[in-house]
């Protein structure tokens, strides 16, 4: 009989694998206290290695654009960046069409909700980790976010 490691939630692993399938991500990692789970796909997506040259070029160009955007985001992000604690969809307001939780230039207090991340059909309020002024909002309303991605810069 195979040993089961205590504390590993197989339902969580299945949920993470489902998120990979739903979002076309290649890897997802979650860390809680001293437990760290990483789920990844083996190989590369089929559309990247597709033999049709017309399809491969736009995918490669899109990948390069995403890499450049990520590099630019990394350059802007600093120790003052509030990062995504999970993978999901970021919402800047409580209800579509309503005022956003915060805007660039606004002053926030520690613990104040600055945005929501929807993950597995659950709305998770993301609080400001410290008081300060919102310098820049790095995500758009309704945009997918990855774990550790810089969302807002608060100085």
Protein backbone atom coordinates (compact mmCIF):
# COMPACT_ATOMS: atom_id res chain seq x y z
CA UNK A 1 0.00 0.00 0.00
CA UNK A 2 1.38 3.41 -0.94
CA UNK A 3 2.09 5.84 1.88
CA UNK A 4 -0.12 8.92 1.99
CA UNK A 5 1.60 12.02 3.24
CA UNK A 6 -0.36 13.56 6.10
CA UNK A 7 -1.71 17.04 5.51
CA UNK A 8 -1.82 16.90 1.71
CA UNK A 9 -5.27 17.83 0.51
CA UNK A 10 -5.93 15.83 -2.64
CA UNK A 11 -9.06 17.88 -3.32
CA UNK A 12 -6.91 21.02 -3.41
CA UNK A 13 -4.55 19.36 -5.89
CA UNK A 14 -7.48 18.36 -8.11
CA UNK A 15 -8.87 21.91 -7.90
CA UNK A 16 -5.48 23.34 -8.89
CA UNK A 17 -5.31 20.91 -11.84
CA UNK A 18 -8.80 22.06 -12.89
CA UNK A 19 -7.65 25.69 -12.74
CA UNK A 20 -4.75 24.77 -15.05
CA UNK A 21 -7.19 23.28 -17.54
CA UNK A 22 -9.67 26.17 -17.31
CA UNK A 23 -7.06 28.94 -17.68
CA UNK A 24 -4.56 27.24 -20.03
CA UNK A 25 -1.77 27.90 -17.53
CA UNK A 26 1.19 25.51 -17.59
CA UNK A 27 1.98 25.70 -13.88
CA UNK A 28 0.39 26.80 -10.61
CA UNK A 29 1.89 26.94 -7.13
CA UNK A 30 0.21 27.48 -3.76
CA UNK A 31 1.95 27.96 -0.43
CA UNK A 32 0.22 27.80 2.95
CA UNK A 33 2.32 27.92 6.13
CA UNK A 34 4.90 25.12 5.70
CA UNK A 35 3.05 23.33 2.87
CA UNK A 36 3.89 24.16 -0.75
CA UNK A 37 2.06 22.52 -3.67
CA UNK A 38 3.03 22.96 -7.32
CA UNK A 39 1.01 21.47 -10.16
CA UNK A 40 2.32 21.67 -13.72
CA UNK A 41 1.62 20.21 -17.11
CA UNK A 42 4.16 18.00 -18.80
CA UNK A 43 5.34 19.16 -22.21
CA UNK A 44 4.30 22.24 -24.13
CA UNK A 45 0.85 23.24 -25.35
CA UNK A 46 -0.02 21.80 -28.77
CA UNK A 47 -0.61 25.16 -30.43
CA UNK A 48 2.99 26.25 -29.80
CA UNK A 49 4.42 23.27 -31.67
CA UNK A 50 1.73 23.19 -34.34
CA UNK A 51 3.15 22.61 -37.84
CA UNK A 52 1.11 25.46 -39.32
CA UNK A 53 3.56 28.40 -39.65
CA UNK A 54 0.77 30.99 -39.80
CA UNK A 55 -0.40 29.98 -36.33
CA UNK A 56 3.03 29.55 -34.77
CA UNK A 57 4.24 33.08 -35.56
CA UNK A 58 1.36 34.91 -33.83
CA UNK A 59 1.64 32.63 -30.79
CA UNK A 60 5.38 33.30 -30.56
CA UNK A 61 4.81 37.03 -31.04
CA UNK A 62 2.12 36.99 -28.35
CA UNK A 63 4.46 35.08 -26.02
CA UNK A 64 7.17 37.67 -26.62
CA UNK A 65 4.72 40.50 -25.93
CA UNK A 66 3.62 38.83 -22.69
CA UNK A 67 7.27 38.35 -21.69
CA UNK A 68 7.99 42.04 -22.39
CA UNK A 69 4.91 43.11 -20.42
CA UNK A 70 5.96 40.87 -17.53
CA UNK A 71 9.48 42.31 -17.59
CA UNK A 72 8.09 45.85 -17.59
CA UNK A 73 5.78 44.97 -14.71
CA UNK A 74 8.71 43.49 -12.77
CA UNK A 75 10.71 46.65 -13.32
CA UNK A 76 7.86 48.82 -12.01
CA UNK A 77 7.09 46.56 -9.08
CA UNK A 78 9.14 47.15 -5.99
CA UNK A 79 9.10 46.27 -2.34
CA UNK A 80 5.97 48.43 -2.18
CA UNK A 81 4.01 46.20 -4.54
CA UNK A 82 0.98 44.33 -3.27
CA UNK A 83 1.13 40.90 -4.89
CA UNK A 84 -1.59 38.40 -5.70
CA UNK A 85 -1.90 35.78 -2.96
CA UNK A 86 -3.61 33.39 -5.40
CA UNK A 87 -4.48 32.72 -9.02
CA UNK A 88 -7.80 34.15 -10.16
CA UNK A 89 -9.56 37.11 -11.72
CA UNK A 90 -8.96 40.57 -10.27
CA UNK A 91 -11.87 42.97 -9.81
CA UNK A 92 -11.22 46.59 -8.87
CA UNK A 93 -14.79 47.32 -7.70
CA UNK A 94 -17.30 45.42 -5.56
CA UNK A 95 -19.93 45.35 -8.33
CA UNK A 96 -19.53 45.85 -12.09
CA UNK A 97 -20.08 49.52 -12.95
CA UNK A 98 -19.58 50.78 -9.39
CA UNK A 99 -16.71 52.93 -8.12
CA UNK A 100 -13.41 51.08 -7.68
CA UNK A 101 -12.15 50.24 -4.18
CA UNK A 102 -9.10 52.49 -4.74
CA UNK A 103 -7.71 54.74 -7.44
CA UNK A 104 -4.18 55.94 -8.17
CA UNK A 105 -3.33 58.79 -5.82
CA UNK A 106 -5.77 57.65 -3.12
CA UNK A 107 -4.67 57.11 0.46
CA UNK A 108 -5.41 53.70 1.95
CA UNK A 109 -5.29 52.33 5.49
CA UNK A 110 -3.84 48.98 6.46
CA UNK A 111 -6.54 46.31 6.17
CA UNK A 112 -8.72 48.33 3.78
CA UNK A 113 -10.01 46.27 0.83
CA UNK A 114 -8.16 47.35 -2.31
CA UNK A 115 -9.52 44.76 -4.77
CA UNK A 116 -11.15 41.35 -5.03
CA UNK A 117 -9.71 38.19 -6.56
CA UNK A 118 -12.23 35.60 -7.68
CA UNK A 119 -10.79 32.11 -7.36
CA UNK A 120 -12.81 28.92 -7.80
CA UNK A 121 -16.06 30.96 -7.74
CA UNK A 122 -15.15 32.52 -4.38
CA UNK A 123 -14.69 36.29 -4.02
CA UNK A 124 -11.58 36.97 -1.90
CA UNK A 125 -11.14 40.50 -0.58
CA UNK A 126 -7.51 41.61 -0.77
CA UNK A 127 -6.59 44.04 2.03
CA UNK A 128 -3.92 46.72 1.93
CA UNK A 129 -0.90 45.27 3.77
CA UNK A 130 0.07 48.74 5.00
CA UNK A 131 -1.18 52.31 5.04
CA UNK A 132 0.01 54.64 2.31
CA UNK A 133 -0.72 56.23 -1.04
CA UNK A 134 -1.69 54.19 -4.11
CA UNK A 135 0.99 55.05 -6.66
CA UNK A 136 -0.10 52.74 -9.47
CA UNK A 137 -2.66 50.05 -10.22
CA UNK A 138 -0.96 47.42 -12.37
CA UNK A 139 -3.99 45.26 -13.27
CA UNK A 140 -7.16 45.96 -15.18
CA UNK A 141 -10.63 45.15 -13.91
CA UNK A 142 -11.55 41.58 -14.84
CA UNK A 143 -7.97 40.61 -15.73
CA UNK A 144 -6.60 37.17 -14.84
CA UNK A 145 -3.79 37.27 -12.26
CA UNK A 146 -1.20 34.74 -11.20
CA UNK A 147 0.17 33.97 -7.76
CA UNK A 148 2.85 36.53 -6.83
CA UNK A 149 1.94 38.96 -9.63
CA UNK A 150 2.26 42.64 -8.66
CA UNK A 151 -1.22 44.21 -8.48
CA UNK A 152 -0.94 47.63 -6.84
CA UNK A 153 1.97 49.74 -5.63
CA UNK A 154 1.43 51.45 -2.28
CA UNK A 155 4.06 53.85 -0.91
